[in-house]
Amino acid sequence: MLVNAQHMKAVPGRKTDVKDAEWLADLLQHGLLKASFIPSSEQQAVRDLTRTRMRLLQERTRLINRIQKVLEDANIKLASVVSDIMGVTGQAILSALVAGLEDPEHLAHLARGSLVRKQDQLQAALQGKLTPHHRMQLEELLPLIATLDRSIAHFDREVAERLRRFDALIERVDAVTGLARRSIEVLLGELGWDMNHFPDAAHAASWVGICPGQHAHRRQATEWPHTSRQSLGQNGAYSGGSRRRPYSDVSRRTVPSD
């Protein structure tokens, strides 16, 4: 049995291992110890996968920011016109720059979709000077992002396969405003799929460390609350100052009806 140390504090006095053992045995004998929630091996596997995927997503973001810094250093303002520099248009322009093409007019003609109407803006944004060391950095960074994209897609497929039997549950939770598929998968990995482990929505929110008003707290330094808060924060599902807790909606949709 795993219990919370806060629930079994001994009486004041000199502490020894023997006295602690006797105190624990006495509490257990009288039924005063409450077993802590331990996720199942299946949930732990999903949790490990979603946490690793989050780290990969963070690394991908870091590399994209590095590419933007390289472009800014070369006075190329691609991000001011293209919202996602790793989209179809952005990747086409970056690949052309790596290949040695620097003519702004030619690069602007690589625009696709709605960006076709912004070719003039693209030409103005691409009026920079890409030096050999800038080009070398882009040449190394782009394949790293492509490798991460493949790895993240692999994790997406693996997590989806492990949660396939909960597709109906995921669809119900998806009705909560601000939650995307990946966020729901993180919730299932951290909370599990049986909300009966938690007395109410407040306990569920506390378990993943996103209680409103809970800011700099020692408990939040652990890995799993950080992962959950980050995933929810990216999708706008949690606001520290909000009175409405999204977990009240989540818990209502995940608790099986009688």
Protein backbone atom coordinates (compact mmCIF):
# COMPACT_ATOMS: atom_id res chain seq x y z
CA MET A 1 0.00 0.00 0.00
CA LEU A 2 1.26 3.47 -0.93
CA VAL A 3 0.02 6.31 1.30
CA ASN A 4 0.50 10.06 1.54
CA ALA A 5 3.10 10.93 4.17
CA GLN A 6 0.98 13.92 5.22
CA HIS A 7 -1.75 11.52 6.34
CA MET A 8 0.39 9.50 8.74
CA LYS A 9 2.38 11.98 10.78
CA ALA A 10 3.38 10.44 14.10
CA VAL A 11 2.98 12.07 17.49
CA PRO A 12 5.73 14.56 18.42
CA GLY A 13 8.82 13.09 19.95
CA ARG A 14 12.06 11.41 19.08
CA LYS A 15 11.70 9.60 15.79
CA THR A 16 13.26 6.25 14.99
CA ASP A 17 12.63 3.71 12.25
CA VAL A 18 11.21 1.29 14.80
CA LYS A 19 8.79 3.85 16.20
CA ASP A 20 7.72 4.84 12.69
CA ALA A 21 7.10 1.20 11.78
CA GLU A 22 5.06 0.65 14.96
CA TRP A 23 3.04 3.80 14.25
CA LEU A 24 2.32 2.74 10.66
CA ALA A 25 1.30 -0.75 11.79
CA ASP A 26 -1.04 0.76 14.40
CA LEU A 27 -2.66 3.08 11.86
CA LEU A 28 -3.09 0.26 9.36
CA GLN A 29 -4.56 -2.04 11.99
CA HIS A 30 -7.23 0.54 12.82
CA GLY A 31 -7.98 1.28 9.17
CA LEU A 32 -6.72 4.86 9.34
CA LEU A 33 -4.50 4.71 6.26
CA LYS A 34 -5.93 5.63 2.88
CA ALA A 35 -4.26 4.09 -0.14
CA SER A 36 -3.00 6.59 -2.70
CA PHE A 37 -4.00 6.40 -6.34
CA ILE A 38 -1.52 4.39 -8.43
CA PRO A 39 -2.14 4.46 -12.19
CA SER A 40 -2.46 1.15 -13.97
CA SER A 41 0.35 -0.11 -16.17
CA GLU A 42 -1.76 0.68 -19.24
CA GLN A 43 -2.26 4.28 -18.11
CA GLN A 44 1.41 4.63 -17.21
CA ALA A 45 2.36 3.55 -20.74
CA VAL A 46 0.09 6.21 -22.27
CA ARG A 47 1.42 8.78 -19.83
CA ASP A 48 5.04 8.01 -20.76
CA LEU A 49 4.21 8.31 -24.46
CA THR A 50 2.37 11.63 -24.13
CA ARG A 51 5.12 13.10 -21.94
CA THR A 52 7.82 12.09 -24.40
CA ARG A 53 5.77 13.50 -27.27
CA MET A 54 5.45 16.78 -25.39
CA ARG A 55 9.24 16.96 -25.06
CA LEU A 56 9.59 16.38 -28.79
CA LEU A 57 7.05 19.11 -29.53
CA GLN A 58 8.98 21.48 -27.29
CA GLU A 59 12.22 20.62 -29.07
CA ARG A 60 10.54 21.23 -32.43
CA THR A 61 9.37 24.65 -31.27
CA ARG A 62 12.87 25.46 -30.06
CA LEU A 63 14.35 24.59 -33.47
CA ILE A 64 11.74 26.66 -35.31
CA ASN A 65 12.57 29.62 -33.10
CA ARG A 66 16.22 29.09 -33.97
CA ILE A 67 15.38 29.19 -37.69
CA GLN A 68 13.45 32.44 -37.18
CA LYS A 69 16.47 33.89 -35.39
CA VAL A 70 18.73 32.93 -38.30
CA LEU A 71 16.33 34.59 -40.76
CA GLU A 72 16.09 37.72 -38.63
CA ASP A 73 19.88 37.87 -38.48
CA ALA A 74 19.90 37.78 -42.27
CA ASN A 75 17.26 40.57 -42.32
CA ILE A 76 14.68 38.19 -43.85
CA LYS A 77 11.27 38.95 -42.30
CA LEU A 78 9.47 35.81 -43.47
CA ALA A 79 7.57 35.38 -40.19
CA SER A 80 5.99 38.83 -40.58
CA VAL A 81 4.03 37.57 -43.59
CA VAL A 82 3.88 33.80 -43.11
CA SER A 83 2.23 32.80 -39.84
CA ASP A 84 3.74 29.30 -39.93
CA ILE A 85 7.19 29.21 -41.46
CA MET A 86 7.05 25.42 -41.43
CA GLY A 87 3.91 25.36 -43.53
CA VAL A 88 3.85 24.55 -47.25
CA THR A 89 4.90 28.04 -48.38
CA GLY A 90 7.43 28.49 -45.60
CA GLN A 91 9.15 25.19 -46.23
CA ALA A 92 9.27 25.81 -49.98
CA ILE A 93 10.96 29.18 -49.44
CA LEU A 94 13.38 27.81 -46.85
CA SER A 95 14.35 24.93 -49.12
CA ALA A 96 14.95 27.38 -51.99
CA LEU A 97 17.12 29.55 -49.74
CA VAL A 98 19.19 26.52 -48.74
CA ALA A 99 19.54 25.62 -52.43
CA GLY A 100 21.06 29.05 -53.09
CA LEU A 101 18.07 30.94 -54.54
CA GLU A 102 17.94 34.49 -53.20
CA ASP A 103 15.86 36.43 -55.75
CA PRO A 104 12.88 37.78 -53.71
CA GLU A 105 10.57 37.78 -56.74
CA HIS A 106 11.34 34.14 -57.53
CA LEU A 107 10.96 33.14 -53.88
CA ALA A 108 7.64 34.98 -53.59
CA HIS A 109 6.26 32.94 -56.50
CA LEU A 110 6.63 29.85 -54.30
CA ALA A 111 3.63 31.02 -52.25
CA ARG A 112 0.69 28.65 -52.00
CA GLY A 113 -2.88 28.99 -50.85
CA SER A 114 -3.97 32.33 -49.42
CA LEU A 115 -0.36 33.58 -49.48
CA VAL A 116 -0.52 33.86 -53.27
CA ARG A 117 -2.34 37.17 -52.73
CA LYS A 118 0.56 38.41 -50.57
CA GLN A 119 3.39 38.01 -53.07
CA ASP A 120 4.22 41.71 -52.92
CA GLN A 121 4.52 41.53 -49.14
CA LEU A 122 6.64 38.41 -49.45
CA GLN A 123 9.02 40.12 -51.85
CA ALA A 124 9.49 42.98 -49.40
CA ALA A 125 10.01 40.57 -46.50
CA LEU A 126 12.62 38.54 -48.41
CA GLN A 127 14.84 41.52 -49.15
CA GLY A 128 17.69 40.26 -47.00
CA LYS A 129 21.16 38.85 -47.34
CA LEU A 130 21.69 35.19 -46.52
CA THR A 131 25.36 34.55 -45.87
CA PRO A 132 27.03 31.11 -46.18
CA HIS A 133 26.96 30.54 -42.43
CA HIS A 134 23.22 31.36 -42.35
CA ARG A 135 22.62 28.90 -45.15
CA MET A 136 24.66 26.21 -43.35
CA GLN A 137 22.55 26.64 -40.20
CA LEU A 138 19.30 26.30 -42.14
CA GLU A 139 20.67 23.28 -43.96
CA GLU A 140 21.27 21.54 -40.61
CA LEU A 141 18.15 22.68 -38.76
CA LEU A 142 15.54 21.78 -41.39
CA PRO A 143 16.37 18.03 -41.43
CA LEU A 144 16.24 17.97 -37.62
CA ILE A 145 12.70 19.35 -37.70
CA ALA A 146 11.73 16.83 -40.38
CA THR A 147 13.06 14.01 -38.19
CA LEU A 148 11.09 15.32 -35.20
CA ASP A 149 7.94 15.52 -37.34
CA ARG A 150 8.29 11.84 -38.22
CA SER A 151 8.87 10.90 -34.58
CA ILE A 152 5.91 12.96 -33.36
CA ALA A 153 3.67 11.36 -36.00
CA HIS A 154 4.85 7.94 -34.81
CA PHE A 155 3.95 8.84 -31.21
CA ASP A 156 0.56 10.14 -32.39
CA ARG A 157 -0.21 6.81 -34.04
CA GLU A 158 0.96 4.80 -31.04
CA VAL A 159 -1.05 6.84 -28.53
CA ALA A 160 -4.14 6.76 -30.77
CA GLU A 161 -3.86 2.98 -31.07
CA ARG A 162 -3.57 2.51 -27.30
CA LEU A 163 -6.59 4.75 -26.72
CA ARG A 164 -8.67 3.43 -29.59
CA ARG A 165 -11.21 1.81 -27.27
CA PHE A 166 -11.84 5.21 -25.70
CA ASP A 167 -12.67 6.99 -28.96
CA ALA A 168 -16.26 7.55 -27.85
CA LEU A 169 -15.03 9.03 -24.57
CA ILE A 170 -12.56 11.27 -26.40
CA GLU A 171 -15.36 12.57 -28.62
CA ARG A 172 -17.41 13.50 -25.54
CA VAL A 173 -14.51 15.29 -23.86
CA ASP A 174 -13.73 17.03 -27.17
CA ALA A 175 -16.96 18.98 -26.67
CA VAL A 176 -15.17 20.94 -23.91
CA THR A 177 -14.16 24.29 -25.36
CA GLY A 178 -10.40 24.61 -25.85
CA LEU A 179 -9.46 20.94 -25.72
CA ALA A 180 -7.80 19.35 -28.76
CA ARG A 181 -7.10 15.68 -29.40
CA ARG A 182 -3.56 15.81 -28.01
CA SER A 183 -4.69 17.60 -24.85
CA ILE A 184 -7.34 14.96 -24.25
CA GLU A 185 -4.73 12.23 -24.69
CA VAL A 186 -2.55 13.97 -22.11
CA LEU A 187 -5.51 14.10 -19.72
CA LEU A 188 -6.18 10.40 -20.16
CA GLY A 189 -2.51 9.65 -19.59
CA GLU A 190 -2.34 11.73 -16.40
CA LEU A 191 -5.86 11.23 -14.98
CA GLY A 192 -6.80 7.88 -16.45
CA TRP A 193 -10.22 7.02 -17.81
CA ASP A 194 -12.00 6.20 -14.55
CA MET A 195 -12.88 9.40 -12.68
CA ASN A 196 -14.12 7.39 -9.71
CA HIS A 197 -10.56 7.66 -8.34
CA PHE A 198 -11.27 11.34 -7.64
CA PRO A 199 -14.03 12.54 -5.29
CA ASP A 200 -14.76 15.62 -7.41
CA ALA A 201 -13.43 17.90 -10.14
CA ALA A 202 -11.33 19.86 -7.64
CA HIS A 203 -9.39 16.72 -6.67
CA ALA A 204 -8.84 15.87 -10.34
CA ALA A 205 -7.52 19.38 -11.02
CA SER A 206 -5.27 19.11 -7.98
CA TRP A 207 -3.88 15.78 -9.20
CA VAL A 208 -2.59 17.36 -12.43
CA GLY A 209 -1.50 20.56 -10.65
CA ILE A 210 -3.76 23.11 -12.34
CA CYS A 211 -5.85 24.34 -9.42
CA PRO A 212 -6.84 28.00 -9.90
CA GLY A 213 -4.62 30.23 -7.79
CA GLN A 214 -1.97 27.53 -7.48
CA HIS A 215 1.19 29.20 -8.76
CA ALA A 216 4.68 28.71 -7.33
CA HIS A 217 4.25 25.56 -5.30
CA ARG A 218 6.83 22.95 -4.51
CA ARG A 219 4.56 20.15 -5.68
CA GLN A 220 4.25 21.73 -9.12
CA ALA A 221 7.99 21.33 -9.69
CA THR A 222 7.43 17.68 -10.58
CA GLU A 223 7.26 16.62 -14.20
CA TRP A 224 3.68 15.49 -14.61
CA PRO A 225 1.81 18.63 -13.51
CA HIS A 226 4.14 20.68 -15.71
CA THR A 227 3.31 18.51 -18.73
CA SER A 228 -0.43 18.74 -18.13
CA ARG A 229 -0.48 22.49 -17.55
CA GLN A 230 1.62 23.08 -20.65
CA SER A 231 -0.62 20.96 -22.85
CA LEU A 232 -3.77 22.63 -21.56
CA GLY A 233 -2.21 26.07 -21.76
CA GLN A 234 -1.39 25.59 -25.44
CA ASN A 235 -5.06 24.97 -26.15
CA GLY A 236 -6.43 27.72 -23.91
CA ALA A 237 -8.37 25.28 -21.75
CA TYR A 238 -7.10 26.59 -18.44
CA SER A 239 -6.94 30.08 -17.06
CA GLY A 240 -5.57 30.55 -13.58
CA GLY A 241 -7.88 33.46 -12.85
CA SER A 242 -11.02 31.82 -14.21
CA ARG A 243 -13.82 30.81 -11.88
CA ARG A 244 -14.97 28.08 -14.18
CA ARG A 245 -12.84 24.96 -14.05
CA PRO A 246 -12.66 22.94 -17.24
CA TYR A 247 -12.18 19.82 -15.16
CA SER A 248 -15.75 20.04 -13.93
CA ASP A 249 -16.80 19.56 -17.56
CA VAL A 250 -14.19 16.87 -18.11
CA SER A 251 -15.17 14.90 -15.03
CA ARG A 252 -18.87 15.01 -15.96
CA ARG A 253 -18.11 13.62 -19.40
CA THR A 254 -15.72 10.91 -18.22
CA VAL A 255 -17.56 9.48 -15.22
CA PRO A 256 -19.54 6.51 -16.55
CA SER A 257 -23.27 6.84 -16.14
CA ASP A 258 -25.18 4.19 -14.18
